[in-house]
Amino acid sequence: MQEQEKILSNTVAKILKNIRFKTGKSLNLFCNEYEISTSTLNDIENGKRNIKLFSLYKILKAYNITLVEFAENLENELPANFLNPEE
């Protein structure tokens, strides 16, 4: 995985994990309720797997969060020089 992909994956992981923690649901409970693979979400939340858009959309719908809200959160969490690391 390239460095920028790793940064993006870890940032997405951090955001999704924080959102789930705020719901107070365990990984297993959340996955069972919303028919999401436990291993997939675990890998995503630990930055081991890049999330597919469909999976992200499904997870965000379960959290009642829009893609726009998530994107704004992601923009705020990514380093300012994310696309231009030489700057």
N, C-alpha and C. Protein backbone atom coordinates (compact mmCIF):
# COMPACT_ATOMS: atom_id res chain seq x y z
N MET A 1 0.85 -1.18 0.00
CA MET A 1 0.00 0.00 0.00
C MET A 1 0.89 1.23 0.00
N GLN A 2 0.60 2.17 -0.87
CA GLN A 2 1.38 3.41 -0.92
C GLN A 2 1.10 4.24 0.32
N GLU A 3 2.02 5.14 0.61
CA GLU A 3 1.93 5.94 1.84
C GLU A 3 0.61 6.72 1.93
N GLN A 4 0.21 7.37 0.84
CA GLN A 4 -1.02 8.15 0.87
C GLN A 4 -2.25 7.26 1.07
N GLU A 5 -2.22 6.09 0.44
CA GLU A 5 -3.33 5.14 0.64
C GLU A 5 -3.40 4.70 2.09
N LYS A 6 -2.24 4.48 2.68
CA LYS A 6 -2.18 4.06 4.08
C LYS A 6 -2.72 5.16 5.00
N ILE A 7 -2.35 6.39 4.73
CA ILE A 7 -2.84 7.52 5.52
C ILE A 7 -4.36 7.62 5.40
N LEU A 8 -4.86 7.52 4.17
CA LEU A 8 -6.30 7.60 3.95
C LEU A 8 -7.02 6.45 4.64
N SER A 9 -6.52 5.26 4.48
CA SER A 9 -7.13 4.08 5.09
C SER A 9 -7.15 4.19 6.61
N ASN A 10 -6.06 4.64 7.20
CA ASN A 10 -5.99 4.80 8.66
C ASN A 10 -6.91 5.90 9.16
N THR A 11 -7.06 6.96 8.38
CA THR A 11 -7.94 8.06 8.77
C THR A 11 -9.39 7.61 8.71
N VAL A 12 -9.77 6.92 7.64
CA VAL A 12 -11.13 6.37 7.53
C VAL A 12 -11.38 5.41 8.69
N ALA A 13 -10.41 4.57 8.99
CA ALA A 13 -10.53 3.61 10.09
C ALA A 13 -10.81 4.33 11.41
N LYS A 14 -10.04 5.36 11.67
CA LYS A 14 -10.18 6.11 12.92
C LYS A 14 -11.57 6.74 13.04
N ILE A 15 -12.04 7.33 11.95
CA ILE A 15 -13.34 7.99 11.97
C ILE A 15 -14.45 6.96 12.20
N LEU A 16 -14.43 5.86 11.45
CA LEU A 16 -15.48 4.85 11.60
C LEU A 16 -15.48 4.21 12.98
N LYS A 17 -14.30 3.95 13.50
CA LYS A 17 -14.22 3.36 14.84
C LYS A 17 -14.77 4.33 15.88
N ASN A 18 -14.42 5.60 15.77
CA ASN A 18 -14.94 6.60 16.71
C ASN A 18 -16.45 6.72 16.63
N ILE A 19 -16.99 6.67 15.41
CA ILE A 19 -18.45 6.75 15.25
C ILE A 19 -19.11 5.55 15.93
N ARG A 20 -18.56 4.36 15.70
CA ARG A 20 -19.15 3.16 16.30
C ARG A 20 -19.06 3.22 17.82
N PHE A 21 -17.94 3.67 18.36
CA PHE A 21 -17.79 3.78 19.81
C PHE A 21 -18.85 4.72 20.39
N LYS A 22 -19.17 5.78 19.67
CA LYS A 22 -20.19 6.72 20.15
C LYS A 22 -21.57 6.07 20.21
N THR A 23 -21.81 5.06 19.37
CA THR A 23 -23.09 4.36 19.42
C THR A 23 -23.17 3.42 20.61
N GLY A 24 -22.01 3.08 21.17
CA GLY A 24 -21.97 2.17 22.30
C GLY A 24 -22.15 0.71 21.92
N LYS A 25 -22.05 0.41 20.62
CA LYS A 25 -22.24 -0.96 20.16
C LYS A 25 -20.90 -1.64 19.93
N SER A 26 -20.86 -2.90 20.30
CA SER A 26 -19.66 -3.68 20.02
C SER A 26 -19.59 -3.95 18.52
N LEU A 27 -18.42 -4.34 18.08
CA LEU A 27 -18.23 -4.68 16.67
C LEU A 27 -19.19 -5.79 16.26
N ASN A 28 -19.27 -6.83 17.07
CA ASN A 28 -20.15 -7.97 16.74
C ASN A 28 -21.61 -7.57 16.68
N LEU A 29 -22.07 -6.81 17.65
CA LEU A 29 -23.47 -6.39 17.68
C LEU A 29 -23.78 -5.52 16.47
N PHE A 30 -22.93 -4.55 16.20
CA PHE A 30 -23.16 -3.67 15.06
C PHE A 30 -23.23 -4.48 13.76
N CYS A 31 -22.27 -5.37 13.57
CA CYS A 31 -22.22 -6.17 12.34
C CYS A 31 -23.44 -7.08 12.20
N ASN A 32 -23.87 -7.67 13.30
CA ASN A 32 -25.05 -8.53 13.25
C ASN A 32 -26.31 -7.74 12.93
N GLU A 33 -26.45 -6.56 13.50
CA GLU A 33 -27.63 -5.74 13.27
C GLU A 33 -27.73 -5.26 11.83
N TYR A 34 -26.59 -4.98 11.22
CA TYR A 34 -26.61 -4.36 9.89
C TYR A 34 -26.05 -5.26 8.79
N GLU A 35 -25.91 -6.55 9.11
CA GLU A 35 -25.48 -7.55 8.13
C GLU A 35 -24.20 -7.15 7.40
N ILE A 36 -23.22 -6.80 8.20
CA ILE A 36 -21.89 -6.46 7.71
C ILE A 36 -20.94 -7.50 8.28
N SER A 37 -20.05 -7.99 7.46
CA SER A 37 -19.10 -8.99 7.91
C SER A 37 -18.23 -8.43 9.04
N THR A 38 -18.16 -9.16 10.13
CA THR A 38 -17.34 -8.75 11.28
C THR A 38 -15.88 -8.63 10.89
N SER A 39 -15.39 -9.59 10.13
CA SER A 39 -13.98 -9.54 9.73
C SER A 39 -13.70 -8.35 8.81
N THR A 40 -14.65 -8.04 7.94
CA THR A 40 -14.48 -6.89 7.05
C THR A 40 -14.41 -5.60 7.83
N LEU A 41 -15.39 -5.39 8.72
CA LEU A 41 -15.40 -4.14 9.49
C LEU A 41 -14.19 -4.06 10.41
N ASN A 42 -13.81 -5.17 11.00
CA ASN A 42 -12.62 -5.18 11.84
C ASN A 42 -11.38 -4.76 11.04
N ASP A 43 -11.22 -5.33 9.85
CA ASP A 43 -10.08 -4.96 9.00
C ASP A 43 -10.13 -3.49 8.60
N ILE A 44 -11.32 -3.00 8.29
CA ILE A 44 -11.48 -1.58 7.92
C ILE A 44 -11.13 -0.69 9.10
N GLU A 45 -11.67 -1.00 10.27
CA GLU A 45 -11.43 -0.18 11.46
C GLU A 45 -9.98 -0.23 11.93
N ASN A 46 -9.23 -1.21 11.48
CA ASN A 46 -7.83 -1.30 11.85
C ASN A 46 -6.90 -0.90 10.72
N GLY A 47 -7.47 -0.33 9.65
CA GLY A 47 -6.67 0.17 8.55
C GLY A 47 -6.01 -0.91 7.72
N LYS A 48 -6.49 -2.14 7.83
CA LYS A 48 -5.88 -3.25 7.09
C LYS A 48 -6.52 -3.45 5.72
N ARG A 49 -7.64 -2.80 5.49
CA ARG A 49 -8.35 -2.99 4.24
C ARG A 49 -8.92 -1.65 3.77
N ASN A 50 -8.78 -1.37 2.50
CA ASN A 50 -9.43 -0.20 1.92
C ASN A 50 -10.91 -0.49 1.80
N ILE A 51 -11.70 0.47 2.17
CA ILE A 51 -13.14 0.27 2.17
C ILE A 51 -13.70 0.52 0.77
N LYS A 52 -14.64 -0.31 0.36
CA LYS A 52 -15.34 -0.12 -0.90
C LYS A 52 -16.45 0.90 -0.67
N LEU A 53 -16.78 1.63 -1.70
CA LEU A 53 -17.80 2.67 -1.58
C LEU A 53 -19.13 2.09 -1.10
N PHE A 54 -19.52 0.92 -1.61
CA PHE A 54 -20.78 0.32 -1.19
C PHE A 54 -20.75 0.01 0.30
N SER A 55 -19.66 -0.54 0.79
CA SER A 55 -19.54 -0.86 2.22
C SER A 55 -19.58 0.41 3.05
N LEU A 56 -18.87 1.44 2.61
CA LEU A 56 -18.88 2.71 3.33
C LEU A 56 -20.29 3.27 3.40
N TYR A 57 -20.98 3.25 2.28
CA TYR A 57 -22.35 3.78 2.23
C TYR A 57 -23.26 3.00 3.19
N LYS A 58 -23.13 1.69 3.20
CA LYS A 58 -23.95 0.84 4.07
C LYS A 58 -23.66 1.13 5.54
N ILE A 59 -22.40 1.27 5.87
CA ILE A 59 -22.02 1.58 7.26
C ILE A 59 -22.53 2.96 7.67
N LEU A 60 -22.35 3.94 6.81
CA LEU A 60 -22.80 5.29 7.13
C LEU A 60 -24.31 5.36 7.28
N LYS A 61 -25.04 4.62 6.45
CA LYS A 61 -26.50 4.58 6.58
C LYS A 61 -26.89 4.00 7.94
N ALA A 62 -26.18 2.98 8.36
CA ALA A 62 -26.45 2.38 9.67
C ALA A 62 -26.22 3.39 10.80
N TYR A 63 -25.23 4.26 10.62
CA TYR A 63 -24.93 5.29 11.62
C TYR A 63 -25.78 6.54 11.43
N ASN A 64 -26.60 6.55 10.38
CA ASN A 64 -27.42 7.71 10.04
C ASN A 64 -26.55 8.94 9.77
N ILE A 65 -25.48 8.72 9.01
CA ILE A 65 -24.55 9.78 8.62
C ILE A 65 -24.50 9.83 7.10
N THR A 66 -24.55 11.03 6.53
CA THR A 66 -24.49 11.16 5.08
C THR A 66 -23.05 11.08 4.59
N LEU A 67 -22.91 10.78 3.31
CA LEU A 67 -21.58 10.79 2.71
C LEU A 67 -20.94 12.16 2.81
N VAL A 68 -21.75 13.20 2.70
CA VAL A 68 -21.22 14.57 2.80
C VAL A 68 -20.67 14.82 4.20
N GLU A 69 -21.40 14.43 5.22
CA GLU A 69 -20.91 14.60 6.59
C GLU A 69 -19.62 13.83 6.81
N PHE A 70 -19.58 12.61 6.30
CA PHE A 70 -18.38 11.80 6.44
C PHE A 70 -17.21 12.45 5.70
N ALA A 71 -17.46 12.92 4.48
CA ALA A 71 -16.40 13.55 3.69
C ALA A 71 -15.86 14.79 4.39
N GLU A 72 -16.73 15.58 4.99
CA GLU A 72 -16.28 16.76 5.72
C GLU A 72 -15.41 16.35 6.91
N ASN A 73 -15.82 15.32 7.61
CA ASN A 73 -15.04 14.81 8.74
C ASN A 73 -13.68 14.32 8.25
N LEU A 74 -13.68 13.60 7.13
CA LEU A 74 -12.44 13.08 6.56
C LEU A 74 -11.50 14.22 6.17
N GLU A 75 -12.04 15.24 5.53
CA GLU A 75 -11.23 16.41 5.15
C GLU A 75 -10.57 17.04 6.37
N ASN A 76 -11.32 17.13 7.46
CA ASN A 76 -10.79 17.73 8.69
C ASN A 76 -9.71 16.88 9.34
N GLU A 77 -9.79 15.57 9.17
CA GLU A 77 -8.85 14.65 9.82
C GLU A 77 -7.57 14.41 9.01
N LEU A 78 -7.65 14.53 7.69
CA LEU A 78 -6.47 14.28 6.86
C LEU A 78 -5.45 15.40 7.04
N PRO A 79 -4.17 15.08 6.93
CA PRO A 79 -3.15 16.12 7.01
C PRO A 79 -3.37 17.18 5.91
N ALA A 80 -3.05 18.41 6.21
CA ALA A 80 -3.25 19.50 5.25
C ALA A 80 -2.52 19.24 3.93
N ASN A 81 -1.38 18.58 4.00
CA ASN A 81 -0.58 18.35 2.80
C ASN A 81 -0.77 16.92 2.26
N PHE A 82 -1.94 16.34 2.49
CA PHE A 82 -2.19 14.95 2.15
C PHE A 82 -1.87 14.63 0.68
N LEU A 83 -2.34 15.42 -0.24
CA LEU A 83 -2.11 15.14 -1.66
C LEU A 83 -0.76 15.65 -2.16
N ASN A 84 -0.15 16.54 -1.43
CA ASN A 84 1.15 17.08 -1.80
C ASN A 84 2.11 16.99 -0.60
N PRO A 85 2.59 15.79 -0.29
CA PRO A 85 3.41 15.62 0.91
C PRO A 85 4.73 16.40 0.90
N GLU A 86 5.18 16.83 -0.28
CA GLU A 86 6.42 17.60 -0.34
C GLU A 86 6.27 19.02 0.15
N GLU A 87 5.03 19.46 0.27
CA GLU A 87 4.79 20.85 0.71
C GLU A 87 4.90 20.99 2.19
